């Protein structure tokens, strides 16, 4: 399966999403039996947290494990309270660079600059992996205010 991760298309198996979510249906909270297969209504299915029809993407953070029946029932009518928590890596909730940019009100380009300068902390990654920014860091910045030097966008400089 090809999905978008931080604006890049990557190949990921459905099982990787199911493993990330602990084989728990994020819609009803019950375990998903790994041995059930489609078209069994209790088989595993991938649900879009924000449906594609309402502006959602195929980003990994917008996909979650669900039972097929729960996914069919939810359709594209989920309420905000039904959204899954942020993904976790080594017990730390994280978000992608584009998500952090939206939350902080910065451009994707500016967040990338701050990541490259190691101003924004990230979870360990390989060079081919997307950035994983701790949600706690984004929340702390929102609580204390965006540092003024972060608001400067180098693209606005003229020679």
Protein backbone atom coordinates (compact mmCIF):
# COMPACT_ATOMS: atom_id res chain seq x y z
CA UNK A 1 0.00 0.00 0.00
CA UNK A 2 1.31 3.46 -0.85
CA UNK A 3 0.52 6.24 1.60
CA UNK A 4 1.60 9.81 2.14
CA UNK A 5 3.92 10.48 5.09
CA UNK A 6 4.90 14.10 5.69
CA UNK A 7 4.17 14.94 2.08
CA UNK A 8 6.21 12.03 0.69
CA UNK A 9 4.69 8.90 -0.81
CA UNK A 10 5.98 5.80 0.94
CA UNK A 11 5.16 2.12 0.83
CA UNK A 12 3.73 0.73 4.03
CA UNK A 13 1.94 -2.51 4.78
CA UNK A 14 -1.52 -2.54 6.25
CA UNK A 15 -0.08 -4.70 9.02
CA UNK A 16 2.27 -1.85 10.01
CA UNK A 17 -0.75 0.38 10.73
CA UNK A 18 -2.49 -2.46 12.58
CA UNK A 19 0.66 -3.11 14.64
CA UNK A 20 1.06 0.60 15.43
CA UNK A 21 -2.51 0.59 16.77
CA UNK A 22 -2.00 -2.67 18.68
CA UNK A 23 -4.62 -4.56 16.62
CA UNK A 24 -7.31 -2.57 18.45
CA UNK A 25 -10.23 -1.04 16.57
CA UNK A 26 -9.85 2.71 17.04
CA UNK A 27 -13.57 3.15 16.47
CA UNK A 28 -15.05 0.70 19.00
CA UNK A 29 -12.00 -0.06 21.17
CA UNK A 30 -12.30 -3.86 20.84
CA UNK A 31 -9.46 -6.15 19.69
CA UNK A 32 -9.22 -7.11 16.03
CA UNK A 33 -8.77 -10.84 15.36
CA UNK A 34 -5.74 -11.17 13.05
CA UNK A 35 -7.09 -14.45 11.67
CA UNK A 36 -10.28 -12.99 10.22
CA UNK A 37 -10.13 -11.93 6.59
CA UNK A 38 -12.26 -9.91 4.22
CA UNK A 39 -15.26 -10.14 3.66
CA UNK A 40 -15.73 -11.07 7.36
CA UNK A 41 -17.28 -7.96 8.94
CA UNK A 42 -14.99 -8.34 11.99
CA UNK A 43 -11.83 -8.46 9.85
CA UNK A 44 -9.24 -5.69 9.97
CA UNK A 45 -9.81 -2.58 7.87
CA UNK A 46 -8.05 0.76 7.48
CA UNK A 47 -10.15 3.76 8.43
CA UNK A 48 -9.38 7.34 7.46
CA UNK A 49 -9.71 9.50 10.58
CA UNK A 50 -10.71 12.44 8.40
CA UNK A 51 -12.29 10.93 5.30
CA UNK A 52 -10.79 11.70 1.92
CA UNK A 53 -14.21 13.01 0.84
CA UNK A 54 -14.04 15.68 3.55
CA UNK A 55 -10.43 16.73 2.93
CA UNK A 56 -8.45 14.00 4.69
CA UNK A 57 -5.27 12.55 3.24
CA UNK A 58 -3.63 9.15 3.08
CA UNK A 59 -1.02 10.29 5.63
CA UNK A 60 -0.09 7.61 8.17
CA UNK A 61 -1.41 9.78 11.00
CA UNK A 62 -4.79 9.89 9.25
CA UNK A 63 -5.10 6.09 9.03
CA UNK A 64 -6.20 3.87 11.87
CA UNK A 65 -7.04 0.24 12.49
CA UNK A 66 -10.70 -0.68 12.60
CA UNK A 67 -13.06 -3.57 12.15
CA UNK A 68 -14.57 -3.61 8.67
CA UNK A 69 -18.09 -3.27 10.14
CA UNK A 70 -17.06 -0.30 12.32
CA UNK A 71 -15.44 1.39 9.34
CA UNK A 72 -18.56 0.87 7.21
CA UNK A 73 -20.82 2.21 9.98
CA UNK A 74 -18.65 5.27 10.61
CA UNK A 75 -18.49 6.15 6.90
CA UNK A 76 -17.42 9.82 6.67
CA UNK A 77 -19.60 10.97 9.57
CA UNK A 78 -17.21 10.71 12.52
CA UNK A 79 -17.37 13.43 15.15
CA UNK A 80 -14.19 15.20 16.31
CA UNK A 81 -14.26 13.28 19.62
CA UNK A 82 -13.89 10.02 17.73
CA UNK A 83 -10.50 10.92 16.29
CA UNK A 84 -7.56 8.69 17.23
CA UNK A 85 -4.80 9.93 19.48
CA UNK A 86 -1.47 10.88 17.94
CA UNK A 87 0.71 7.96 16.84
CA UNK A 88 3.40 6.86 19.29
CA UNK A 89 6.99 5.77 18.91
CA UNK A 90 8.82 4.45 21.99
CA UNK A 91 5.92 5.71 24.09
CA UNK A 92 6.14 9.30 22.81
CA UNK A 93 3.24 10.84 20.89
CA UNK A 94 4.44 12.50 17.69
CA UNK A 95 3.17 14.36 14.65
CA UNK A 96 4.52 15.00 11.17
CA UNK A 97 6.23 18.23 10.09
CA UNK A 98 3.19 19.42 8.07
CA UNK A 99 0.92 18.80 11.06
CA UNK A 100 3.30 20.72 13.35
CA UNK A 101 3.42 23.56 10.80
CA UNK A 102 -0.39 23.80 10.74
CA UNK A 103 -0.62 23.73 14.53
CA UNK A 104 2.09 26.37 14.93
CA UNK A 105 0.79 28.57 12.13
CA UNK A 106 4.10 28.36 10.23
CA UNK A 107 4.79 27.43 6.64
CA UNK A 108 5.94 23.88 5.87
CA UNK A 109 9.10 25.45 4.45
CA UNK A 110 9.83 27.33 7.70
CA UNK A 111 9.31 24.22 9.82
CA UNK A 112 11.68 22.32 7.52
CA UNK A 113 14.29 25.07 8.03
CA UNK A 114 13.89 24.79 11.82
CA UNK A 115 14.17 20.99 11.60
CA UNK A 116 17.31 21.19 9.46
CA UNK A 117 18.82 23.65 11.98
CA UNK A 118 17.86 21.21 14.78
CA UNK A 119 15.85 23.98 16.47
CA UNK A 120 12.81 21.70 16.63
CA UNK A 121 13.53 18.38 18.35
CA UNK A 122 12.61 15.14 16.64
CA UNK A 123 12.50 11.50 17.53
CA UNK A 124 15.39 9.45 16.12
CA UNK A 125 15.03 8.63 12.43
CA UNK A 126 16.90 7.27 9.44
CA UNK A 127 17.63 9.68 6.58
CA UNK A 128 14.80 8.21 4.46
CA UNK A 129 12.20 8.44 7.23
CA UNK A 130 9.86 11.36 7.79
CA UNK A 131 10.31 13.74 10.71
CA UNK A 132 8.58 12.76 13.96
CA UNK A 133 8.06 15.81 16.18
CA UNK A 134 6.98 15.18 19.79
CA UNK A 135 3.44 16.47 20.35
CA UNK A 136 4.50 17.64 23.83
CA UNK A 137 7.03 20.01 22.21
CA UNK A 138 4.40 21.50 19.88
CA UNK A 139 2.01 21.92 22.83
CA UNK A 140 4.74 23.61 24.91
CA UNK A 141 5.47 26.09 22.11
CA UNK A 142 1.78 26.85 21.74
CA UNK A 143 1.49 27.40 25.50
CA UNK A 144 4.51 29.74 25.73
CA UNK A 145 4.21 31.41 22.34
CA UNK A 146 6.09 31.07 19.07
CA UNK A 147 9.64 32.43 19.43
CA UNK A 148 9.97 35.60 17.37
CA UNK A 149 13.01 34.28 15.49
CA UNK A 150 10.88 31.37 14.24
CA UNK A 151 8.59 33.78 12.42
CA UNK A 152 11.41 34.87 10.10
CA UNK A 153 11.18 33.05 6.77
CA UNK A 154 14.48 32.99 4.89
CA UNK A 155 12.64 32.88 1.56
CA UNK A 156 11.56 36.46 2.19
CA UNK A 157 15.19 37.67 2.08
CA UNK A 158 16.27 39.56 -1.02
CA UNK A 159 19.89 39.71 -2.21
